All heavy atoms as atom14 arrays in JSON, in Angstrom:
{
  "sequence": "LLQDYNIRKVGKLVRGGKERQQSVYEGLKAMEEGGIVLVHDG",
  "atom14_mask": [
    [1, 1, 1, 1, 1, 1, 1, 1, 0, 0, 0, 0, 0, 0],
    [1, 1, 1, 1, 1, 1, 1, 1, 0, 0, 0, 0, 0, 0],
    [1, 1, 1, 1, 1, 1, 1, 1, 1, 0, 0, 0, 0, 0],
    [1, 1, 1, 1, 1, 1, 1, 1, 0, 0, 0, 0, 0, 0],
    [1, 1, 1, 1, 1, 1, 1, 1, 1, 1, 1, 1, 0, 0],
    [1, 1, 1, 1, 1, 1, 1, 1, 0, 0, 0, 0, 0, 0],
    [1, 1, 1, 1, 1, 1, 1, 1, 0, 0, 0, 0, 0, 0],
    [1, 1, 1, 1, 1, 1, 1, 1, 1, 1, 1, 0, 0, 0],
    [1, 1, 1, 1, 1, 1, 1, 1, 1, 0, 0, 0, 0, 0],
    [1, 1, 1, 1, 1, 1, 1, 0, 0, 0, 0, 0, 0, 0],
    [1, 1, 1, 1, 0, 0, 0, 0, 0, 0, 0, 0, 0, 0],
    [1, 1, 1, 1, 1, 1, 1, 1, 1, 0, 0, 0, 0, 0],
    [1, 1, 1, 1, 1, 1, 1, 1, 0, 0, 0, 0, 0, 0],
    [1, 1, 1, 1, 1, 1, 1, 0, 0, 0, 0, 0, 0, 0],
    [1, 1, 1, 1, 1, 1, 1, 1, 1, 1, 1, 0, 0, 0],
    [1, 1, 1, 1, 0, 0, 0, 0, 0, 0, 0, 0, 0, 0],
    [1, 1, 1, 1, 0, 0, 0, 0, 0, 0, 0, 0, 0, 0],
    [1, 1, 1, 1, 1, 1, 1, 1, 1, 0, 0, 0, 0, 0],
    [1, 1, 1, 1, 1, 1, 1, 1, 1, 0, 0, 0, 0, 0],
    [1, 1, 1, 1, 1, 1, 1, 1, 1, 1, 1, 0, 0, 0],
    [1, 1, 1, 1, 1, 1, 1, 1, 1, 0, 0, 0, 0, 0],
    [1, 1, 1, 1, 1, 1, 1, 1, 1, 0, 0, 0, 0, 0],
    [1, 1, 1, 1, 1, 1, 0, 0, 0, 0, 0, 0, 0, 0],
    [1, 1, 1, 1, 1, 1, 1, 0, 0, 0, 0, 0, 0, 0],
    [1, 1, 1, 1, 1, 1, 1, 1, 1, 1, 1, 1, 0, 0],
    [1, 1, 1, 1, 1, 1, 1, 1, 1, 0, 0, 0, 0, 0],
    [1, 1, 1, 1, 0, 0, 0, 0, 0, 0, 0, 0, 0, 0],
    [1, 1, 1, 1, 1, 1, 1, 1, 0, 0, 0, 0, 0, 0],
    [1, 1, 1, 1, 1, 1, 1, 1, 1, 0, 0, 0, 0, 0],
    [1, 1, 1, 1, 1, 0, 0, 0, 0, 0, 0, 0, 0, 0],
    [1, 1, 1, 1, 1, 1, 1, 1, 0, 0, 0, 0, 0, 0],
    [1, 1, 1, 1, 1, 1, 1, 1, 1, 0, 0, 0, 0, 0],
    [1, 1, 1, 1, 1, 1, 1, 1, 1, 0, 0, 0, 0, 0],
    [1, 1, 1, 1, 0, 0, 0, 0, 0, 0, 0, 0, 0, 0],
    [1, 1, 1, 1, 0, 0, 0, 0, 0, 0, 0, 0, 0, 0],
    [1, 1, 1, 1, 1, 1, 1, 1, 0, 0, 0, 0, 0, 0],
    [1, 1, 1, 1, 1, 1, 1, 0, 0, 0, 0, 0, 0, 0],
    [1, 1, 1, 1, 1, 1, 1, 1, 0, 0, 0, 0, 0, 0],
    [1, 1, 1, 1, 1, 1, 1, 0, 0, 0, 0, 0, 0, 0],
    [1, 1, 1, 1, 1, 1, 1, 1, 1, 1, 0, 0, 0, 0],
    [1, 1, 1, 1, 1, 1, 1, 1, 0, 0, 0, 0, 0, 0],
    [1, 1, 1, 1, 0, 0, 0, 0, 0, 0, 0, 0, 0, 0]
  ],
  "atom14_positions": [
    [[12.81, 6.59, 5.81], [11.86, 7.54, 6.41], [10.98, 6.84, 7.44], [10.73, 7.38, 8.53], [10.97, 8.17, 5.33], [11.55, 9.28, 4.47], [10.48, 9.8, 3.51], [12.09, 10.42, 5.32], [0.0, 0.0, 0.0], [0.0, 0.0, 0.0], [0.0, 0.0, 0.0], [0.0, 0.0, 0.0], [0.0, 0.0, 0.0], [0.0, 0.0, 0.0]],
    [[10.5, 5.65, 7.11], [9.63, 4.92, 8.03], [10.35, 4.65, 9.35], [9.76, 4.76, 10.43], [9.18, 3.6, 7.4], [8.37, 3.7, 6.1], [7.99, 2.31, 5.62], [7.14, 4.56, 6.28], [0.0, 0.0, 0.0], [0.0, 0.0, 0.0], [0.0, 0.0, 0.0], [0.0, 0.0, 0.0], [0.0, 0.0, 0.0], [0.0, 0.0, 0.0]],
    [[11.63, 4.32, 9.24], [12.41, 4.05, 10.45], [12.69, 5.33, 11.22], [12.55, 5.37, 12.45], [13.73, 3.36, 10.08], [14.58, 2.99, 11.28], [15.8, 2.18, 10.88], [16.04, 1.92, 9.7], [16.57, 1.77, 11.87], [0.0, 0.0, 0.0], [0.0, 0.0, 0.0], [0.0, 0.0, 0.0], [0.0, 0.0, 0.0], [0.0, 0.0, 0.0]],
    [[13.06, 6.38, 10.5], [13.41, 7.65, 11.16], [12.23, 8.25, 11.92], [12.42, 8.86, 12.98], [13.91, 8.66, 10.12], [15.26, 8.29, 9.54], [15.94, 7.41, 10.13], [15.63, 8.86, 8.49], [0.0, 0.0, 0.0], [0.0, 0.0, 0.0], [0.0, 0.0, 0.0], [0.0, 0.0, 0.0], [0.0, 0.0, 0.0], [0.0, 0.0, 0.0]],
    [[11.03, 8.09, 11.36], [9.84, 8.69, 11.98], [8.97, 7.68, 12.72], [7.84, 7.97, 13.1], [9.02, 9.43, 10.91], [9.69, 10.7, 10.43], [10.52, 10.69, 9.31], [9.52, 11.9, 11.11], [11.16, 11.85, 8.87], [10.15, 13.06, 10.68], [10.97, 13.04, 9.56], [11.58, 14.18, 9.14], [0.0, 0.0, 0.0], [0.0, 0.0, 0.0]],
    [[9.52, 6.48, 12.94], [8.87, 5.47, 13.77], [7.46, 5.11, 13.28], [6.51, 5.03, 14.05], [8.81, 5.94, 15.24], [8.58, 4.8, 16.19], [9.01, 3.67, 15.95], [7.89, 5.08, 17.29], [0.0, 0.0, 0.0], [0.0, 0.0, 0.0], [0.0, 0.0, 0.0], [0.0, 0.0, 0.0], [0.0, 0.0, 0.0], [0.0, 0.0, 0.0]],
    [[7.33, 4.91, 11.96], [6.06, 4.47, 11.38], [6.05, 2.95, 11.39], [6.83, 2.3, 10.69], [5.9, 5.0, 9.94], [5.98, 6.53, 9.92], [4.59, 4.52, 9.34], [4.9, 7.25, 10.68], [0.0, 0.0, 0.0], [0.0, 0.0, 0.0], [0.0, 0.0, 0.0], [0.0, 0.0, 0.0], [0.0, 0.0, 0.0], [0.0, 0.0, 0.0]],
    [[5.16, 2.36, 12.19], [5.17, 0.92, 12.44], [4.12, 0.15, 11.67], [4.22, -1.08, 11.54], [4.95, 0.67, 13.94], [5.99, 1.32, 14.85], [7.34, 0.71, 14.66], [8.31, 1.2, 15.65], [9.58, 0.86, 15.66], [10.06, 0.04, 14.76], [10.39, 1.35, 16.59], [0.0, 0.0, 0.0], [0.0, 0.0, 0.0], [0.0, 0.0, 0.0]],
    [[3.08, 0.83, 11.2], [1.94, 0.1, 10.62], [2.11, -0.26, 9.14], [1.26, -0.94, 8.58], [0.65, 0.9, 10.8], [0.12, 0.88, 12.22], [-1.25, 1.51, 12.31], [-1.79, 1.46, 13.73], [-3.11, 2.11, 13.84], [0.0, 0.0, 0.0], [0.0, 0.0, 0.0], [0.0, 0.0, 0.0], [0.0, 0.0, 0.0], [0.0, 0.0, 0.0]],
    [[3.16, 0.22, 8.5], [3.38, -0.15, 7.11], [3.84, -1.6, 7.08], [4.99, -1.92, 7.39], [4.42, 0.76, 6.42], [4.71, 0.25, 5.01], [3.89, 2.2, 6.36], [0.0, 0.0, 0.0], [0.0, 0.0, 0.0], [0.0, 0.0, 0.0], [0.0, 0.0, 0.0], [0.0, 0.0, 0.0], [0.0, 0.0, 0.0], [0.0, 0.0, 0.0]],
    [[2.92, -2.48, 6.69], [3.23, -3.9, 6.66], [3.92, -4.34, 5.4], [4.69, -5.3, 5.4], [0.0, 0.0, 0.0], [0.0, 0.0, 0.0], [0.0, 0.0, 0.0], [0.0, 0.0, 0.0], [0.0, 0.0, 0.0], [0.0, 0.0, 0.0], [0.0, 0.0, 0.0], [0.0, 0.0, 0.0], [0.0, 0.0, 0.0], [0.0, 0.0, 0.0]],
    [[3.66, -3.6, 4.3], [4.26, -3.98, 3.02], [4.61, -2.74, 2.21], [3.85, -1.78, 2.16], [3.28, -4.86, 2.22], [3.03, -6.22, 2.85], [2.14, -7.08, 1.97], [1.93, -8.44, 2.61], [1.05, -9.32, 1.79], [0.0, 0.0, 0.0], [0.0, 0.0, 0.0], [0.0, 0.0, 0.0], [0.0, 0.0, 0.0], [0.0, 0.0, 0.0]],
    [[5.78, -2.8, 1.58], [6.18, -1.82, 0.57], [6.05, -2.52, -0.77], [6.78, -3.48, -1.05], [7.61, -1.35, 0.79], [7.86, -0.36, 1.94], [9.34, -0.11, 2.09], [7.13, 0.94, 1.68], [0.0, 0.0, 0.0], [0.0, 0.0, 0.0], [0.0, 0.0, 0.0], [0.0, 0.0, 0.0], [0.0, 0.0, 0.0], [0.0, 0.0, 0.0]],
    [[5.13, -2.04, -1.6], [4.79, -2.72, -2.85], [5.28, -1.9, -4.02], [5.21, -0.66, -4.02], [3.26, -2.92, -2.94], [2.87, -3.56, -4.26], [2.77, -3.77, -1.77], [0.0, 0.0, 0.0], [0.0, 0.0, 0.0], [0.0, 0.0, 0.0], [0.0, 0.0, 0.0], [0.0, 0.0, 0.0], [0.0, 0.0, 0.0], [0.0, 0.0, 0.0]],
    [[5.76, -2.58, -5.04], [6.26, -1.92, -6.26], [5.08, -1.29, -7.01], [4.1, -1.96, -7.32], [6.96, -2.95, -7.14], [7.54, -2.4, -8.44], [8.0, -3.53, -9.34], [8.64, -3.05, -10.55], [9.95, -2.96, -10.73], [10.77, -3.37, -9.78], [10.45, -2.51, -11.86], [0.0, 0.0, 0.0], [0.0, 0.0, 0.0], [0.0, 0.0, 0.0]],
    [[5.19, -0.01, -7.33], [4.13, 0.69, -8.02], [4.11, 0.42, -9.51], [5.11, 0.0, -10.1], [0.0, 0.0, 0.0], [0.0, 0.0, 0.0], [0.0, 0.0, 0.0], [0.0, 0.0, 0.0], [0.0, 0.0, 0.0], [0.0, 0.0, 0.0], [0.0, 0.0, 0.0], [0.0, 0.0, 0.0], [0.0, 0.0, 0.0], [0.0, 0.0, 0.0]],
    [[2.96, 0.69, -10.13], [2.81, 0.55, -11.56], [3.06, 1.87, -12.28], [3.4, 2.89, -11.66], [0.0, 0.0, 0.0], [0.0, 0.0, 0.0], [0.0, 0.0, 0.0], [0.0, 0.0, 0.0], [0.0, 0.0, 0.0], [0.0, 0.0, 0.0], [0.0, 0.0, 0.0], [0.0, 0.0, 0.0], [0.0, 0.0, 0.0], [0.0, 0.0, 0.0]],
    [[2.85, 1.87, -13.59], [3.09, 3.07, -14.39], [2.09, 4.17, -14.05], [2.43, 5.35, -14.01], [3.01, 2.72, -15.88], [3.34, 3.88, -16.81], [3.31, 3.45, -18.26], [3.63, 4.62, -19.19], [3.57, 4.22, -20.62], [0.0, 0.0, 0.0], [0.0, 0.0, 0.0], [0.0, 0.0, 0.0], [0.0, 0.0, 0.0], [0.0, 0.0, 0.0]],
    [[0.84, 3.78, -13.81], [-0.21, 4.73, -13.49], [-0.78, 4.43, -12.1], [-0.59, 3.33, -11.57], [-1.34, 4.68, -14.53], [-0.9, 4.96, -15.95], [-0.41, 6.38, -16.16], [-0.76, 7.26, -15.33], [0.34, 6.61, -17.13], [0.0, 0.0, 0.0], [0.0, 0.0, 0.0], [0.0, 0.0, 0.0], [0.0, 0.0, 0.0], [0.0, 0.0, 0.0]],
    [[-1.5, 5.39, -11.53], [-2.07, 5.23, -10.19], [-2.95, 3.99, -10.11], [-2.9, 3.24, -9.13], [-2.87, 6.48, -9.82], [-3.51, 6.41, -8.42], [-4.44, 7.59, -8.19], [-4.93, 7.64, -6.82], [-5.96, 6.94, -6.38], [-6.59, 6.1, -7.18], [-6.35, 7.06, -5.11], [0.0, 0.0, 0.0], [0.0, 0.0, 0.0], [0.0, 0.0, 0.0]],
    [[-3.79, 3.78, -11.13], [-4.69, 2.64, -11.12], [-3.93, 1.32, -10.98], [-4.32, 0.44, -10.21], [-5.54, 2.63, -12.39], [-6.54, 1.49, -12.48], [-7.48, 1.66, -13.67], [-7.78, 2.78, -14.09], [-7.95, 0.56, -14.22], [0.0, 0.0, 0.0], [0.0, 0.0, 0.0], [0.0, 0.0, 0.0], [0.0, 0.0, 0.0], [0.0, 0.0, 0.0]],
    [[-2.84, 1.2, -11.7], [-2.03, -0.01, -11.63], [-1.38, -0.15, -10.25], [-1.26, -1.26, -9.71], [-0.96, 0.02, -12.72], [-1.53, 0.01, -14.13], [-0.5, 0.37, -15.18], [0.51, 1.01, -14.88], [-0.74, -0.03, -16.42], [0.0, 0.0, 0.0], [0.0, 0.0, 0.0], [0.0, 0.0, 0.0], [0.0, 0.0, 0.0], [0.0, 0.0, 0.0]],
    [[-0.96, 0.98, -9.67], [-0.34, 0.95, -8.35], [-1.32, 0.47, -7.28], [-0.98, -0.35, -6.42], [0.2, 2.34, -7.99], [1.31, 2.68, -8.8], [0.0, 0.0, 0.0], [0.0, 0.0, 0.0], [0.0, 0.0, 0.0], [0.0, 0.0, 0.0], [0.0, 0.0, 0.0], [0.0, 0.0, 0.0], [0.0, 0.0, 0.0], [0.0, 0.0, 0.0]],
    [[-2.54, 0.99, -7.33], [-3.55, 0.56, -6.37], [-3.83, -0.93, -6.54], [-3.94, -1.68, -5.55], [-4.84, 1.37, -6.53], [-5.95, 0.8, -5.63], [-4.6, 2.84, -6.17], [0.0, 0.0, 0.0], [0.0, 0.0, 0.0], [0.0, 0.0, 0.0], [0.0, 0.0, 0.0], [0.0, 0.0, 0.0], [0.0, 0.0, 0.0], [0.0, 0.0, 0.0]],
    [[-3.94, -1.38, -7.77], [-4.2, -2.79, -8.05], [-3.1, -3.67, -7.45], [-3.38, -4.71, -6.83], [-4.32, -3.0, -9.56], [-4.79, -4.37, -10.0], [-5.57, -5.17, -9.18], [-4.44, -4.86, -11.25], [-6.0, -6.42, -9.6], [-4.86, -6.1, -11.68], [-5.64, -6.88, -10.85], [-6.07, -8.14, -11.27], [0.0, 0.0, 0.0], [0.0, 0.0, 0.0]],
    [[-1.86, -3.26, -7.6], [-0.75, -4.02, -7.02], [-0.86, -4.05, -5.5], [-0.58, -5.08, -4.86], [0.59, -3.43, -7.44], [0.91, -3.58, -8.92], [0.91, -5.03, -9.37], [1.44, -5.87, -8.63], [0.37, -5.32, -10.46], [0.0, 0.0, 0.0], [0.0, 0.0, 0.0], [0.0, 0.0, 0.0], [0.0, 0.0, 0.0], [0.0, 0.0, 0.0]],
    [[-1.25, -2.93, -4.92], [-1.44, -2.89, -3.47], [-2.54, -3.81, -3.0], [-2.4, -4.51, -1.99], [0.0, 0.0, 0.0], [0.0, 0.0, 0.0], [0.0, 0.0, 0.0], [0.0, 0.0, 0.0], [0.0, 0.0, 0.0], [0.0, 0.0, 0.0], [0.0, 0.0, 0.0], [0.0, 0.0, 0.0], [0.0, 0.0, 0.0], [0.0, 0.0, 0.0]],
    [[-3.64, -3.84, -3.73], [-4.77, -4.71, -3.38], [-4.37, -6.18, -3.46], [-4.76, -6.99, -2.61], [-5.95, -4.44, -4.3], [-6.63, -3.07, -4.18], [-7.63, -2.87, -5.31], [-7.3, -2.92, -2.82], [0.0, 0.0, 0.0], [0.0, 0.0, 0.0], [0.0, 0.0, 0.0], [0.0, 0.0, 0.0], [0.0, 0.0, 0.0], [0.0, 0.0, 0.0]],
    [[-3.6, -6.53, -4.48], [-3.18, -7.92, -4.65], [-2.22, -8.36, -3.54], [-2.13, -9.54, -3.23], [-2.53, -8.11, -6.02], [-3.53, -8.03, -7.18], [-2.9, -8.44, -8.5], [-1.9, -7.43, -9.0], [-1.38, -7.77, -10.36], [0.0, 0.0, 0.0], [0.0, 0.0, 0.0], [0.0, 0.0, 0.0], [0.0, 0.0, 0.0], [0.0, 0.0, 0.0]],
    [[-1.52, -7.4, -2.95], [-0.56, -7.72, -1.89], [-1.22, -7.91, -0.53], [-0.58, -8.37, 0.42], [0.49, -6.61, -1.79], [0.0, 0.0, 0.0], [0.0, 0.0, 0.0], [0.0, 0.0, 0.0], [0.0, 0.0, 0.0], [0.0, 0.0, 0.0], [0.0, 0.0, 0.0], [0.0, 0.0, 0.0], [0.0, 0.0, 0.0], [0.0, 0.0, 0.0]],
    [[-2.52, -7.57, -0.43], [-3.24, -7.69, 0.83], [-3.8, -9.08, 1.04], [-4.01, -9.82, 0.07], [-4.44, -6.71, 0.84], [-4.12, -5.27, 1.03], [-5.64, -4.3, 0.93], [-6.67, -5.12, 2.18], [0.0, 0.0, 0.0], [0.0, 0.0, 0.0], [0.0, 0.0, 0.0], [0.0, 0.0, 0.0], [0.0, 0.0, 0.0], [0.0, 0.0, 0.0]],
    [[-4.08, -9.4, 2.29], [-4.89, -10.57, 2.57], [-6.33, -10.26, 2.17], [-6.81, -9.15, 2.38], [-4.83, -10.92, 4.06], [-3.47, -11.37, 4.54], [-3.48, -11.76, 6.01], [-4.59, -11.81, 6.6], [-2.4, -12.0, 6.55], [0.0, 0.0, 0.0], [0.0, 0.0, 0.0], [0.0, 0.0, 0.0], [0.0, 0.0, 0.0], [0.0, 0.0, 0.0]],
    [[-7.01, -11.23, 1.57], [-8.37, -10.99, 1.07], [-9.34, -10.82, 2.22], [-9.23, -11.43, 3.27], [-8.8, -12.16, 0.17], [-7.94, -12.31, -1.06], [-8.77, -12.45, -2.34], [-10.0, -12.48, -2.25], [-8.15, -12.51, -3.41], [0.0, 0.0, 0.0], [0.0, 0.0, 0.0], [0.0, 0.0, 0.0], [0.0, 0.0, 0.0], [0.0, 0.0, 0.0]],
    [[-10.32, -9.93, 1.99], [-11.4, -9.73, 2.94], [-11.28, -8.44, 3.72], [-10.23, -7.8, 3.76], [0.0, 0.0, 0.0], [0.0, 0.0, 0.0], [0.0, 0.0, 0.0], [0.0, 0.0, 0.0], [0.0, 0.0, 0.0], [0.0, 0.0, 0.0], [0.0, 0.0, 0.0], [0.0, 0.0, 0.0], [0.0, 0.0, 0.0], [0.0, 0.0, 0.0]],
    [[-12.39, -8.04, 4.33], [-12.42, -6.85, 5.16], [-12.57, -5.57, 4.37], [-12.72, -5.56, 3.16], [0.0, 0.0, 0.0], [0.0, 0.0, 0.0], [0.0, 0.0, 0.0], [0.0, 0.0, 0.0], [0.0, 0.0, 0.0], [0.0, 0.0, 0.0], [0.0, 0.0, 0.0], [0.0, 0.0, 0.0], [0.0, 0.0, 0.0], [0.0, 0.0, 0.0]],
    [[-12.52, -4.47, 5.1], [-12.64, -3.14, 4.51], [-11.27, -2.6, 4.15], [-10.33, -2.68, 4.94], [-13.34, -2.16, 5.48], [-14.77, -2.61, 5.77], [-13.33, -0.74, 4.92], [-15.69, -2.61, 4.56], [0.0, 0.0, 0.0], [0.0, 0.0, 0.0], [0.0, 0.0, 0.0], [0.0, 0.0, 0.0], [0.0, 0.0, 0.0], [0.0, 0.0, 0.0]],
    [[-11.16, -2.08, 2.94], [-9.92, -1.46, 2.5], [-10.19, -0.01, 2.13], [-11.2, 0.3, 1.48], [-9.29, -2.21, 1.31], [-10.23, -2.28, 0.12], [-7.96, -1.56, 0.9], [0.0, 0.0, 0.0], [0.0, 0.0, 0.0], [0.0, 0.0, 0.0], [0.0, 0.0, 0.0], [0.0, 0.0, 0.0], [0.0, 0.0, 0.0], [0.0, 0.0, 0.0]],
    [[-9.32, 0.87, 2.56], [-9.35, 2.27, 2.14], [-8.25, 2.49, 1.11], [-7.19, 1.85, 1.19], [-9.12, 3.21, 3.32], [-10.33, 3.68, 4.12], [-11.11, 2.51, 4.68], [-9.9, 4.63, 5.23], [0.0, 0.0, 0.0], [0.0, 0.0, 0.0], [0.0, 0.0, 0.0], [0.0, 0.0, 0.0], [0.0, 0.0, 0.0], [0.0, 0.0, 0.0]],
    [[-8.51, 3.36, 0.17], [-7.48, 3.83, -0.76], [-7.34, 5.33, -0.53], [-8.35, 6.06, -0.58], [-7.83, 3.54, -2.22], [-6.72, 4.03, -3.14], [-8.09, 2.05, -2.44], [0.0, 0.0, 0.0], [0.0, 0.0, 0.0], [0.0, 0.0, 0.0], [0.0, 0.0, 0.0], [0.0, 0.0, 0.0], [0.0, 0.0, 0.0], [0.0, 0.0, 0.0]],
    [[-6.13, 5.78, -0.25], [-5.93, 7.18, 0.1], [-4.68, 7.73, -0.58], [-3.64, 7.07, -0.62], [-5.79, 7.34, 1.61], [-5.71, 8.77, 2.06], [-6.74, 9.66, 1.88], [-4.7, 9.46, 2.68], [-6.39, 10.84, 2.38], [-5.15, 10.75, 2.85], [0.0, 0.0, 0.0], [0.0, 0.0, 0.0], [0.0, 0.0, 0.0], [0.0, 0.0, 0.0]],
    [[-4.79, 8.94, -1.1], [-3.66, 9.59, -1.75], [-2.56, 9.9, -0.74], [-2.83, 10.48, 0.33], [-4.1, 10.92, -2.4], [-5.13, 10.72, -3.48], [-5.04, 9.72, -4.21], [-6.04, 11.58, -3.61], [0.0, 0.0, 0.0], [0.0, 0.0, 0.0], [0.0, 0.0, 0.0], [0.0, 0.0, 0.0], [0.0, 0.0, 0.0], [0.0, 0.0, 0.0]],
    [[-1.33, 9.56, -1.09], [-0.21, 9.88, -0.22], [-0.04, 11.37, -0.02], [0.57, 11.81, 0.96], [0.0, 0.0, 0.0], [0.0, 0.0, 0.0], [0.0, 0.0, 0.0], [0.0, 0.0, 0.0], [0.0, 0.0, 0.0], [0.0, 0.0, 0.0], [0.0, 0.0, 0.0], [0.0, 0.0, 0.0], [0.0, 0.0, 0.0], [0.0, 0.0, 0.0]]
  ]
}
């Protein structure tokens, strides 16, 4: 989908957890530390 619709800013595809909280945590750990982070529902 990312390729078909030319979405370029997705830097990482991260494996989700069982619950939303775990998924967000995995996403945060995959980031470089620092700066402002937004969490937004897909």
